[in-house]
Amino acid sequence: MATTITTTTAAAATNTLTVSTRPPVEVSKYPRLDANQAGHLRHFHNLVSQPDGEWHHFGTLEAQQEWDDAYRYQLATMAYATGVAHYHRLPAMRSAFKTLLRQIIHKMLRREVWGYWFNTSHGGNLLDPDLKELRKPWADPVIKENIMYSGHLLLMTSLYAMLFDDDEFEKKGSLTFHWSPLFWGLGREDFAYDNRSLQKVIFQQMEENDWVGVCCEPNAVFVVCNQFPIIAMRYNDSRDGTNNVEDVLKKYEASLIKKGMINDSGLYPSFFALKQHKALPARQGAHTAWANAYMNTWNSEKVHSLYDSQVLGFLTDIDGKTRLQPTRVASAFRQLVLEEGEDAHSAETLRKAREMSSQFANPLFPFETISWSGFAQMLSELGKFKELNDLLEYADSHLNPTWENGGLYYPRNDKLFDDDGQNMIHMEPHSGNSGIGYSRLNVKDGQKKMWEKPWTSAILAKRPYVDGLSFADGVDFLRGVWDDDVRAMVITLKSWTGNEKEVNFAVKNLAQGDWEVYVDGTLKQTTTVGDTEGVDITVTVENDEVDIVVSSV
């Protein structure tokens, strides 16, 4: 069936074309975000759209931002979730994701996020037992050590450049830290960096430490935190036409093996103590799982080979259901299975582990290490979807999933078990705000695929994209993909409030020629695209999904 309609150009000239009244594609064949996935993205937007200085829902257990639920980890995981969602699921929605990731980076540069370092830089005997007096402190959060902040910031800004071909954070001084406590010090200090100068500082320290990695806290090198700058170097190589990461990885992997930080089975050690020249035994599995979620990029075979030995006790499979166990319970469970020969799939083994778990509590830390985030991220990356779905099902049944302003999150709960002592109900904000959301938005080998095929300037220069939309427009983006085989853009929008929203946007980077716009299967307009034009679209979006197809005539 065909019809004759009027088309428009930038000069308002009219042409008569005979065009189809049906879109050339079946929208339903393109995967869409479900309500939960869209809800997680909106929660990220809600969190980072708060006024600067407002950290509602970010509240952490440790007042000085020194625990695994600190602002920096929540923000970094939001950034990586935003990245995988854009790359794998909604690659055409460029302006929406660019605006979101840019705002996450803005929050990462706030002094509330990195100001903890001044105190931490003094050092402490918890991680350096030979320390006799505190060191002279410094406020610059990236010049030395503190890879637990600098490594994430490097990857966040490298990810931004790779996804959007934008050099904003590659410009001199684009990453500047303002140290200006109101009633302390001799005046404001500024520490100016950019992405590449930050990378240089980080990898110089790796070399100084015989390539085992950069310290998080003074004297302590963790496996997990050093994965992020390595991925960042890979993205930067793709932009610079270099291959620095290959040589770095050879030295890094060799050093990990030499210093006992990675073996043929078992958890990664807690950390490598630089002064004492030794790896400290693992006390929990959360950091190992978190490391694997990103080490899968460059060391996938090793990560998969270690999986069974590493998740034992932390992830139990009893009566066909995977469950995450608290660290103390997991430690007891591992002892029962590995040392006493108990059945790893028996409810009786789990009962015994719970009974004896108190003796495995870590006296050095006041907080229980659980981290739904680390394990959920790992399971999504490794494609362990049965296990992941079991955990998500449990989270939705026991961890109070909450919707607020269209966003989905799991609120903080410091209590370990419910009143019956059977169900773990602990939830910390790193997992509740971003970690579980990441696991829903990621795909199998999501980080690995981005490592292997980062977007380049040449790729993005040719790919059509949607411009002029952001999460602030009050609609959720469920589809946003360019299908090069049929030369069509497919977009699905939905108002999260249920209220009517008129949105205006453009599809850009289209080839010259005539383009049709279909809304919910009905032809609405045609546009002739010239050298620099796109197709401007205005649609009304309500509670029902609106499907838009822009296709070549």
Protein backbone atom coordinates (compact mmCIF):
# COMPACT_ATOMS: atom_id res chain seq x y z
CA MET A 1 0.00 0.00 0.00
CA ALA A 2 1.35 3.44 -0.89
CA THR A 3 0.30 7.04 -0.71
CA THR A 4 1.39 10.43 -1.97
CA ILE A 5 2.37 13.00 0.69
CA THR A 6 4.15 16.30 0.97
CA THR A 7 7.76 16.41 2.14
CA THR A 8 9.77 19.25 3.61
CA THR A 9 13.32 20.48 3.29
CA ALA A 10 15.28 23.11 5.19
CA ALA A 11 14.32 25.66 2.54
CA ALA A 12 10.63 24.79 3.01
CA ALA A 13 10.36 23.66 -0.61
CA THR A 14 7.79 20.94 -1.27
CA ASN A 15 8.19 17.78 -3.24
CA THR A 16 5.75 15.03 -4.09
CA LEU A 17 6.80 11.47 -3.33
CA THR A 18 5.10 8.13 -3.42
CA VAL A 19 5.95 6.34 -0.18
CA SER A 20 4.87 3.32 1.81
CA THR A 21 2.36 3.79 4.66
CA ARG A 22 3.88 0.98 6.67
CA PRO A 23 7.30 1.02 8.34
CA PRO A 24 9.85 -1.25 6.68
CA VAL A 25 10.68 -3.01 9.96
CA GLU A 26 8.82 -4.87 12.67
CA VAL A 27 9.61 -2.92 15.83
CA SER A 28 9.02 -5.86 18.14
CA LYS A 29 12.02 -7.75 16.73
CA TYR A 30 14.36 -5.24 18.35
CA PRO A 31 15.05 -5.90 22.04
CA ARG A 32 13.66 -3.34 24.47
CA LEU A 33 14.44 -2.38 28.02
CA ASP A 34 12.05 -3.78 30.58
CA ALA A 35 10.54 -1.65 33.35
CA ASN A 36 13.25 -2.55 35.85
CA GLN A 37 16.10 -1.68 33.50
CA ALA A 38 14.53 1.64 32.61
CA GLY A 39 13.88 2.25 36.30
CA HIS A 40 17.53 1.77 37.22
CA LEU A 41 18.65 4.28 34.61
CA ARG A 42 16.11 6.80 35.85
CA HIS A 43 17.30 6.29 39.42
CA PHE A 44 20.85 7.12 38.28
CA HIS A 45 19.49 10.29 36.71
CA ASN A 46 17.52 11.16 39.84
CA LEU A 47 20.56 10.73 42.07
CA VAL A 48 22.98 12.84 40.06
CA SER A 49 20.39 15.52 39.28
CA GLN A 50 20.22 16.55 42.93
CA PRO A 51 21.70 19.96 43.77
CA ASP A 52 25.43 19.84 44.42
CA GLY A 53 26.01 18.96 48.05
CA GLU A 54 22.80 16.92 48.32
CA TRP A 55 23.45 13.17 48.63
CA HIS A 56 20.00 11.75 49.31
CA HIS A 57 20.05 7.92 49.17
CA PHE A 58 23.88 7.90 48.95
CA GLY A 59 24.34 7.67 52.73
CA THR A 60 27.19 5.34 53.69
CA LEU A 61 28.06 3.23 56.71
CA GLU A 62 31.52 4.78 57.13
CA ALA A 63 31.44 8.52 57.78
CA GLN A 64 34.80 9.25 56.12
CA GLN A 65 34.01 7.55 52.78
CA GLU A 66 36.50 4.75 53.47
CA TRP A 67 34.27 1.70 52.94
CA ASP A 68 33.00 -0.18 49.90
CA ASP A 69 29.77 1.83 49.80
CA ALA A 70 31.54 5.21 49.45
CA TYR A 71 30.25 7.82 47.02
CA ARG A 72 33.04 7.12 44.54
CA TYR A 73 32.08 3.47 44.13
CA GLN A 74 28.39 4.22 43.75
CA LEU A 75 29.10 6.85 41.11
CA ALA A 76 31.66 4.74 39.24
CA THR A 77 29.30 1.76 39.02
CA MET A 78 26.53 4.06 37.78
CA ALA A 79 28.93 5.28 35.08
CA TYR A 80 29.80 1.74 34.00
CA ALA A 81 26.13 0.73 34.02
CA THR A 82 25.37 3.77 31.88
CA GLY A 83 28.17 2.71 29.54
CA VAL A 84 27.04 -0.88 29.03
CA ALA A 85 23.41 0.21 28.63
CA HIS A 86 24.37 2.67 25.89
CA TYR A 87 26.88 0.44 24.10
CA HIS A 88 24.86 -2.80 24.16
CA ARG A 89 21.21 -1.79 24.45
CA LEU A 90 20.50 1.77 23.32
CA PRO A 91 23.43 2.74 21.11
CA ALA A 92 21.50 5.39 19.17
CA MET A 93 20.45 7.43 22.22
CA ARG A 94 23.64 9.46 22.25
CA SER A 95 22.53 12.75 23.78
CA ALA A 96 20.62 11.11 26.63
CA PHE A 97 23.51 8.94 27.73
CA LYS A 98 26.13 11.62 27.17
CA THR A 99 24.26 14.03 29.41
CA LEU A 100 23.83 11.38 32.10
CA LEU A 101 27.45 10.22 32.09
CA ARG A 102 28.68 13.81 32.04
CA GLN A 103 26.67 14.57 35.19
CA ILE A 104 27.97 11.45 36.95
CA ILE A 105 31.54 12.60 36.25
CA HIS A 106 30.66 16.05 37.56
CA LYS A 107 29.59 14.51 40.86
CA MET A 108 32.76 12.40 40.95
CA LEU A 109 34.80 15.61 40.93
CA ARG A 110 33.02 17.03 43.98
CA ARG A 111 35.18 17.44 47.09
CA GLU A 112 32.71 15.38 49.14
CA VAL A 113 33.75 12.40 47.01
CA TRP A 114 37.55 12.69 47.17
CA GLY A 115 38.20 14.87 50.22
CA TYR A 116 38.58 11.78 52.43
CA TRP A 117 42.06 11.35 50.97
CA PHE A 118 43.68 14.05 53.11
CA ASN A 119 43.07 11.96 56.25
CA THR A 120 43.75 8.63 54.56
CA SER A 121 47.10 9.86 53.21
CA HIS A 122 48.47 9.94 56.77
CA GLY A 123 48.51 6.12 56.69
CA GLY A 124 47.44 3.78 59.46
CA ASN A 125 48.53 0.63 61.22
CA LEU A 126 45.49 -1.36 60.09
CA LEU A 127 47.06 -1.85 56.65
CA ASP A 128 50.64 -1.00 57.62
CA PRO A 129 51.35 -2.68 60.97
CA ASP A 130 54.99 -1.50 60.95
CA LEU A 131 53.96 2.17 60.85
CA LYS A 132 55.38 4.03 63.86
CA GLU A 133 54.25 7.57 63.08
CA LEU A 134 51.80 9.13 60.67
CA ARG A 135 53.01 10.46 57.36
CA LYS A 136 52.80 14.09 56.28
CA PRO A 137 49.41 14.32 54.52
CA TRP A 138 48.54 15.72 51.11
CA ALA A 139 45.23 16.78 49.60
CA ASP A 140 45.83 16.04 45.90
CA PRO A 141 43.69 12.92 45.50
CA VAL A 142 45.42 11.43 42.46
CA ILE A 143 49.11 12.33 42.57
CA LYS A 144 50.07 9.25 44.58
CA GLU A 145 48.25 6.10 45.72
CA ASN A 146 44.43 6.29 46.01
CA ILE A 147 43.85 4.17 42.90
CA MET A 148 40.44 3.43 44.44
CA TYR A 149 39.50 6.95 43.31
CA SER A 150 41.92 7.85 40.52
CA GLY A 151 41.49 4.55 38.66
CA HIS A 152 37.72 4.95 38.53
CA LEU A 153 37.96 8.59 37.45
CA LEU A 154 40.34 7.62 34.66
CA LEU A 155 37.99 4.95 33.34
CA MET A 156 34.90 7.15 33.67
CA THR A 157 36.49 9.87 31.56
CA SER A 158 38.04 7.42 29.06
CA LEU A 159 34.65 5.75 28.71
CA TYR A 160 33.08 9.14 28.02
CA ALA A 161 35.62 9.86 25.28
CA MET A 162 35.22 6.42 23.71
CA LEU A 163 31.41 6.40 23.69
CA PHE A 164 30.90 9.93 22.41
CA ASP A 165 34.15 10.79 20.60
CA ASP A 166 34.44 13.81 22.88
CA ASP A 167 37.82 15.14 24.01
CA GLU A 168 36.46 17.30 26.87
CA PHE A 169 38.44 15.47 29.54
CA GLU A 170 41.53 15.15 27.37
CA LYS A 171 42.07 18.92 27.47
CA LYS A 172 44.62 20.41 29.82
CA GLY A 173 43.15 21.20 33.24
CA SER A 174 39.82 19.50 32.50
CA LEU A 175 40.18 17.40 35.67
CA THR A 176 40.94 19.98 38.32
CA PHE A 177 40.45 19.40 42.03
CA HIS A 178 39.71 22.40 44.22
CA TRP A 179 40.89 21.96 47.82
CA SER A 180 39.38 24.77 49.85
CA PRO A 181 38.14 23.84 53.33
CA LEU A 182 36.52 26.97 54.74
CA PHE A 183 38.33 27.25 58.10
CA TRP A 184 41.43 25.15 57.47
CA GLY A 185 44.59 25.81 55.51
CA LEU A 186 46.40 28.77 54.01
CA GLY A 187 44.09 29.26 51.08
CA ARG A 188 42.65 27.40 48.11
CA GLU A 189 44.79 24.86 46.29
CA ASP A 190 44.05 23.59 42.76
CA PHE A 191 45.38 20.31 41.39
CA ALA A 192 45.06 20.30 37.60
CA TYR A 193 45.06 17.18 35.42
CA ASP A 194 43.49 15.78 32.31
CA ASN A 195 42.79 12.22 31.28
CA ARG A 196 46.21 11.53 29.79
CA SER A 197 48.23 13.21 32.54
CA LEU A 198 46.19 11.23 35.07
CA GLN A 199 46.96 8.03 33.16
CA LYS A 200 50.66 8.89 33.19
CA VAL A 201 50.69 9.38 36.97
CA ILE A 202 48.91 6.08 37.54
CA PHE A 203 51.11 3.92 35.34
CA GLN A 204 54.31 5.52 36.61
CA GLN A 205 53.30 4.29 40.05
CA MET A 206 52.59 0.80 38.72
CA GLU A 207 56.14 0.72 37.37
CA GLU A 208 57.54 1.98 40.69
CA ASN A 209 55.66 -0.84 42.47
CA ASP A 210 57.16 -3.52 40.19
CA TRP A 211 53.88 -3.63 38.26
CA VAL A 212 51.79 -5.26 41.00
CA GLY A 213 49.51 -2.22 40.93
CA VAL A 214 48.91 1.12 42.64
CA CYS A 215 47.94 1.41 46.29
CA CYS A 216 44.38 2.08 47.33
CA GLU A 217 45.12 2.93 50.94
CA PRO A 218 48.77 3.54 51.88
CA ASN A 219 50.80 0.31 51.66
CA ALA A 220 47.91 -1.76 50.27
CA VAL A 221 47.53 -2.82 46.63
CA PHE A 222 44.20 -4.48 45.79
CA VAL A 223 43.53 -6.47 42.63
CA VAL A 224 40.07 -5.02 42.03
CA CYS A 225 40.88 -1.32 41.94
CA ASN A 226 43.68 -1.75 39.41
CA GLN A 227 41.37 -3.25 36.77
CA PHE A 228 39.72 0.07 35.96
CA PRO A 229 42.77 2.08 34.82
CA ILE A 230 43.85 -0.86 32.65
CA ILE A 231 40.53 -0.79 30.80
CA ALA A 232 40.87 2.98 30.50
CA MET A 233 44.30 2.59 28.86
CA ARG A 234 42.78 0.24 26.31
CA TYR A 235 40.15 2.85 25.38
CA ASN A 236 42.80 5.56 25.21
CA ASP A 237 44.93 3.36 22.98
CA SER A 238 41.98 3.01 20.62
CA ARG A 239 41.74 6.81 20.38
CA ASP A 240 45.47 7.46 20.13
CA GLY A 241 46.38 4.67 17.71
CA THR A 242 48.75 3.13 20.26
CA ASN A 243 49.01 -0.23 22.02
CA ASN A 244 50.48 0.64 25.40
CA VAL A 245 48.15 -1.69 27.24
CA GLU A 246 49.68 -4.85 25.75
CA ASP A 247 53.07 -4.26 27.35
CA VAL A 248 51.48 -3.14 30.62
CA LEU A 249 49.41 -6.31 30.84
CA LYS A 250 52.42 -8.57 30.30
CA LYS A 251 54.23 -6.94 33.21
CA TYR A 252 51.14 -6.68 35.39
CA GLU A 253 50.04 -10.30 35.01
CA ALA A 254 53.58 -11.56 35.61
CA SER A 255 53.83 -9.48 38.77
CA LEU A 256 50.47 -10.72 40.07
CA ILE A 257 51.61 -14.31 39.67
CA LYS A 258 55.07 -13.67 41.10
CA LYS A 259 53.68 -11.97 44.21
CA GLY A 260 50.94 -14.52 44.84
CA MET A 261 48.06 -12.22 44.00
CA ILE A 262 46.53 -14.66 41.53
CA ASN A 263 46.75 -18.44 41.64
CA ASP A 264 45.21 -21.49 40.00
CA SER A 265 42.33 -21.62 42.49
CA GLY A 266 40.77 -19.69 45.33
CA LEU A 267 40.10 -16.07 46.18
CA TYR A 268 42.46 -13.24 45.36
CA PRO A 269 44.39 -12.14 48.47
CA SER A 270 43.04 -9.21 50.44
CA PHE A 271 45.90 -6.99 49.31
CA PHE A 272 49.64 -6.89 48.69
CA ALA A 273 51.51 -5.09 51.48
CA LEU A 274 54.29 -3.16 49.76
CA LYS A 275 56.54 -2.62 52.80
CA GLN A 276 56.18 -6.18 54.03
CA HIS A 277 56.50 -7.64 50.50
CA LYS A 278 53.69 -10.14 50.99
CA ALA A 279 50.13 -10.90 49.97
CA LEU A 280 47.63 -10.95 52.83
CA PRO A 281 45.08 -13.80 52.93
CA ALA A 282 41.59 -13.13 51.64
CA ARG A 283 38.95 -12.40 54.27
CA GLN A 284 35.95 -12.05 51.96
CA GLY A 285 34.85 -12.78 48.40
CA ALA A 286 33.23 -9.51 47.41
CA HIS A 287 36.44 -7.95 46.09
CA THR A 288 37.30 -11.07 44.11
CA ALA A 289 33.87 -11.08 42.45
CA TRP A 290 34.07 -7.36 41.75
CA ALA A 291 37.53 -7.76 40.21
CA ASN A 292 36.33 -10.59 37.98
CA ALA A 293 33.52 -8.47 36.58
CA TYR A 294 36.20 -6.28 34.94
CA MET A 295 39.21 -8.58 34.69
CA ASN A 296 37.09 -10.61 32.28
CA THR A 297 38.08 -8.02 29.68
CA TRP A 298 41.69 -9.15 29.37
CA ASN A 299 41.94 -12.38 31.40
CA SER A 300 38.69 -14.15 30.63
CA GLU A 301 40.00 -17.72 30.57
CA LYS A 302 41.55 -17.37 34.02
CA VAL A 303 38.45 -15.71 35.46
CA HIS A 304 36.18 -18.50 34.25
CA SER A 305 38.58 -21.21 35.45
CA LEU A 306 38.59 -19.77 38.97
CA TYR A 307 34.84 -19.27 39.26
CA ASP A 308 33.82 -22.45 41.09
CA SER A 309 36.59 -22.27 43.68
CA GLN A 310 35.95 -18.59 44.31
CA VAL A 311 32.17 -18.53 44.74
CA LEU A 312 32.07 -21.57 47.05
CA GLY A 313 30.18 -20.59 50.18
CA PHE A 314 29.47 -17.07 49.04
CA LEU A 315 27.00 -18.34 46.47
CA THR A 316 25.25 -21.49 47.66
CA ASP A 317 23.13 -23.73 45.45
CA ILE A 318 20.70 -25.65 47.61
CA ASP A 319 17.42 -27.08 46.32
CA GLY A 320 18.16 -25.53 42.94
CA LYS A 321 18.27 -21.93 44.18
CA THR A 322 21.37 -19.75 44.24
CA ARG A 323 21.66 -17.57 47.32
CA LEU A 324 24.24 -15.02 48.45
CA GLN A 325 25.58 -15.62 51.95
CA PRO A 326 27.12 -13.15 54.42
CA THR A 327 30.90 -13.24 54.59
CA ARG A 328 31.05 -14.89 58.00
CA VAL A 329 28.59 -17.61 56.92
CA ALA A 330 30.48 -18.13 53.66
CA SER A 331 33.78 -18.48 55.52
CA ALA A 332 32.33 -21.14 57.81
CA PHE A 333 30.74 -22.90 54.84
CA ARG A 334 34.04 -22.99 52.97
CA GLN A 335 35.78 -24.53 55.97
CA LEU A 336 33.10 -27.19 56.34
CA VAL A 337 33.33 -28.17 52.68
CA LEU A 338 37.06 -27.80 52.02
CA GLU A 339 38.43 -29.04 55.33
CA GLU A 340 35.73 -31.32 56.71
CA GLY A 341 34.27 -32.76 53.53
CA GLU A 342 30.71 -31.53 54.02
CA ASP A 343 28.29 -31.50 51.07
CA ALA A 344 28.34 -28.12 49.31
CA HIS A 345 24.70 -28.53 48.20
CA SER A 346 23.25 -29.56 51.56
CA ALA A 347 20.94 -27.43 53.66
CA GLU A 348 22.52 -29.09 56.70
CA THR A 349 25.93 -27.71 55.75
CA LEU A 350 24.44 -24.25 55.53
CA ARG A 351 22.73 -24.68 58.91
CA LYS A 352 26.03 -25.65 60.51
CA ALA A 353 27.79 -22.74 58.82
CA ARG A 354 25.28 -20.29 60.26
CA GLU A 355 25.68 -21.74 63.73
CA MET A 356 29.46 -21.38 63.69
CA SER A 357 29.61 -18.15 61.68
CA SER A 358 30.15 -15.82 64.64
CA GLN A 359 33.71 -17.07 65.05
CA PHE A 360 34.48 -15.91 61.49
CA ALA A 361 33.50 -12.29 62.05
CA ASN A 362 36.34 -9.94 61.15
CA PRO A 363 37.36 -8.09 64.34
CA LEU A 364 39.26 -5.45 62.39
CA PHE A 365 36.23 -4.00 60.61
CA PRO A 366 32.96 -2.81 62.12
CA PHE A 367 30.96 -3.56 58.96
CA GLU A 368 29.80 -6.82 57.43
CA THR A 369 31.16 -7.36 53.91
CA ILE A 370 28.35 -8.66 51.74
CA SER A 371 28.23 -6.76 48.47
CA TRP A 372 25.36 -7.85 46.32
CA SER A 373 27.06 -5.45 43.90
CA GLY A 374 30.28 -7.38 43.36
CA PHE A 375 28.65 -10.76 42.84
CA ALA A 376 25.78 -9.44 40.72
CA GLN A 377 28.18 -7.57 38.45
CA MET A 378 30.36 -10.66 38.05
CA LEU A 379 27.45 -12.98 37.29
CA SER A 380 26.14 -10.63 34.59
CA GLU A 381 29.56 -10.32 32.95
CA LEU A 382 30.25 -14.06 32.99
CA GLY A 383 26.80 -14.89 31.66
CA LYS A 384 25.76 -16.84 34.76
CA PHE A 385 22.15 -15.85 34.24
CA LYS A 386 20.51 -18.65 36.20
CA GLU A 387 22.49 -17.65 39.28
CA LEU A 388 21.97 -13.94 38.63
CA ASN A 389 18.23 -14.33 38.13
CA ASP A 390 18.00 -16.26 41.40
CA LEU A 391 19.71 -13.39 43.21
CA LEU A 392 17.52 -10.78 41.54
CA GLU A 393 14.40 -12.78 42.37
CA TYR A 394 15.53 -12.89 45.98
CA ALA A 395 16.26 -9.16 45.97
CA ASP A 396 12.78 -8.41 44.68
CA SER A 397 11.22 -10.65 47.34
CA HIS A 398 13.28 -9.72 50.41
CA LEU A 399 15.19 -6.47 49.85
CA ASN A 400 12.37 -3.95 49.52
CA PRO A 401 12.61 -2.83 45.88
CA THR A 402 11.44 0.76 45.85
CA TRP A 403 10.17 3.04 43.10
CA GLU A 404 10.66 6.78 43.48
CA ASN A 405 10.11 9.36 40.73
CA GLY A 406 10.22 6.61 38.14
CA GLY A 407 13.50 5.20 39.46
CA LEU A 408 14.12 1.76 40.94
CA TYR A 409 16.51 1.10 43.81
CA TYR A 410 16.94 -1.05 46.92
CA PRO A 411 17.08 1.09 50.08
CA ARG A 412 19.75 0.73 52.71
CA ASN A 413 19.12 -1.77 55.49
CA ASP A 414 21.87 -2.31 58.08
CA LYS A 415 20.19 -5.35 59.64
CA LEU A 416 21.82 -8.62 58.58
CA PHE A 417 18.93 -11.13 58.92
CA ASP A 418 15.17 -10.87 59.27
CA ASP A 419 13.48 -11.57 62.60
CA ASP A 420 13.40 -15.31 61.89
CA GLY A 421 17.13 -15.34 61.27
CA GLN A 422 16.65 -17.18 57.97
CA ASN A 423 16.66 -14.54 55.27
CA MET A 424 19.51 -12.09 54.73
CA ILE A 425 18.05 -8.60 54.34
CA HIS A 426 21.18 -6.45 54.53
CA MET A 427 21.49 -3.86 51.75
CA GLU A 428 24.09 -1.13 51.36
CA PRO A 429 23.81 1.79 48.94
CA HIS A 430 26.53 0.73 46.50
CA SER A 431 24.51 -2.36 45.67
CA GLY A 432 21.10 -0.77 46.10
CA ASN A 433 21.74 2.36 44.06
CA SER A 434 23.95 1.06 41.28
CA GLY A 435 25.36 -2.48 41.57
CA ILE A 436 22.13 -4.40 41.07
CA GLY A 437 21.12 -1.97 38.34
CA TYR A 438 24.42 -2.61 36.58
CA SER A 439 23.77 -6.35 36.61
CA ARG A 440 20.39 -5.88 34.95
CA LEU A 441 21.71 -3.53 32.28
CA ASN A 442 24.86 -5.50 31.39
CA VAL A 443 25.02 -8.38 28.91
CA LYS A 444 27.21 -11.47 28.85
CA ASP A 445 30.81 -10.36 28.26
CA GLY A 446 29.59 -6.78 28.25
CA GLN A 447 32.91 -5.30 29.41
CA LYS A 448 34.88 -7.79 27.33
CA LYS A 449 33.07 -6.86 24.12
CA MET A 450 33.69 -3.17 24.75
CA TRP A 451 37.37 -3.96 25.37
CA GLU A 452 37.63 -5.91 22.12
CA LYS A 453 35.67 -3.45 19.97
CA PRO A 454 35.68 0.05 21.45
CA TRP A 455 33.84 2.64 19.42
CA THR A 456 36.17 4.81 17.38
CA SER A 457 35.85 8.25 15.81
CA ALA A 458 35.40 6.59 12.42
CA ILE A 459 32.55 4.38 13.67
CA LEU A 460 30.68 7.22 15.35
CA ALA A 461 31.17 9.59 12.42
CA LYS A 462 29.10 7.30 10.19
CA ARG A 463 26.42 6.10 12.61
CA PRO A 464 23.05 7.91 12.83
CA TYR A 465 21.99 8.92 16.32
CA VAL A 466 19.24 10.62 18.30
CA ASP A 467 19.99 14.14 19.49
CA GLY A 468 18.11 16.52 21.75
CA LEU A 469 16.71 14.05 24.28
CA SER A 470 17.79 13.59 27.89
CA PHE A 471 16.45 11.82 30.96
CA ALA A 472 15.29 15.24 32.18
CA ASP A 473 12.62 15.23 29.45
CA GLY A 474 10.42 12.95 31.55
CA VAL A 475 10.36 9.97 29.22
CA ASP A 476 12.09 6.61 29.41
CA PHE A 477 14.02 5.25 26.43
CA LEU A 478 13.17 1.60 25.79
CA ARG A 479 14.59 1.27 22.29
CA GLY A 480 17.14 3.33 20.42
CA VAL A 481 19.01 1.48 17.70
CA TRP A 482 20.11 2.09 14.12
CA ASP A 483 19.69 -0.92 11.82
CA ASP A 484 22.17 -0.43 9.01
CA ASP A 485 20.86 -3.41 7.03
CA VAL A 486 17.46 -1.78 6.46
CA ARG A 487 18.61 1.84 6.93
CA ALA A 488 16.17 2.52 9.74
CA MET A 489 16.25 4.11 13.19
CA VAL A 490 13.98 2.43 15.75
CA ILE A 491 13.01 4.33 18.92
CA THR A 492 10.55 3.49 21.67
CA LEU A 493 9.59 6.07 24.29
CA LYS A 494 7.34 5.96 27.33
CA SER A 495 6.31 8.59 29.86
CA TRP A 496 7.31 7.32 33.30
CA THR A 497 4.79 9.62 35.01
CA GLY A 498 1.90 8.49 32.84
CA ASN A 499 1.26 12.12 32.01
CA GLU A 500 1.30 13.45 28.49
CA LYS A 501 4.71 14.73 27.37
CA GLU A 502 5.50 16.46 24.10
CA VAL A 503 9.11 15.80 23.15
CA ASN A 504 11.18 17.25 20.35
CA PHE A 505 14.33 15.63 19.02
CA ALA A 506 16.29 15.02 15.87
CA VAL A 507 17.77 12.01 14.16
CA LYS A 508 21.14 13.11 12.85
CA ASN A 509 23.97 11.78 10.73
CA LEU A 510 21.55 10.43 8.14
CA ALA A 511 22.57 10.11 4.51
CA GLN A 512 21.30 12.65 2.03
CA GLY A 513 17.95 11.76 0.59
CA ASP A 514 14.31 11.32 1.58
CA TRP A 515 13.35 9.88 4.97
CA GLU A 516 10.00 8.71 6.30
CA VAL A 517 8.88 8.99 9.93
CA TYR A 518 6.38 6.47 11.28
CA VAL A 519 4.76 6.79 14.71
CA ASP A 520 3.09 3.63 16.02
CA GLY A 521 3.06 2.23 12.51
CA THR A 522 1.47 5.26 10.88
CA LEU A 523 3.30 7.47 8.43
CA LYS A 524 3.55 10.98 9.87
CA GLN A 525 6.07 12.88 7.76
CA THR A 526 8.84 12.73 5.22
CA THR A 527 11.92 14.91 5.21
CA THR A 528 14.60 15.51 2.63
CA VAL A 529 18.00 15.51 4.28
CA GLY A 530 20.74 17.72 2.86
CA ASP A 531 24.42 17.86 3.68
CA THR A 532 24.12 18.82 7.38
CA GLU A 533 20.47 18.27 8.18
CA GLY A 534 18.73 15.70 10.31
CA VAL A 535 15.12 14.72 10.71
CA ASP A 536 13.30 16.81 13.33
CA ILE A 537 10.52 14.97 15.13
CA THR A 538 7.84 16.03 17.61
CA VAL A 539 5.77 13.35 19.31
CA THR A 540 3.38 13.17 22.23
CA VAL A 541 4.30 10.45 24.71
CA GLU A 542 1.96 9.10 27.37
CA ASN A 543 1.81 6.01 29.54
CA ASP A 544 1.62 3.70 26.53
CA GLU A 545 4.80 3.06 24.61
CA VAL A 546 5.33 5.08 21.44
CA ASP A 547 7.26 3.45 18.61
CA ILE A 548 9.03 5.69 16.12
CA VAL A 549 10.71 4.48 12.96
CA VAL A 550 12.77 6.74 10.71
CA SER A 551 13.63 5.00 7.47
CA SER A 552 15.05 5.74 4.07
CA VAL A 553 12.56 6.07 1.24
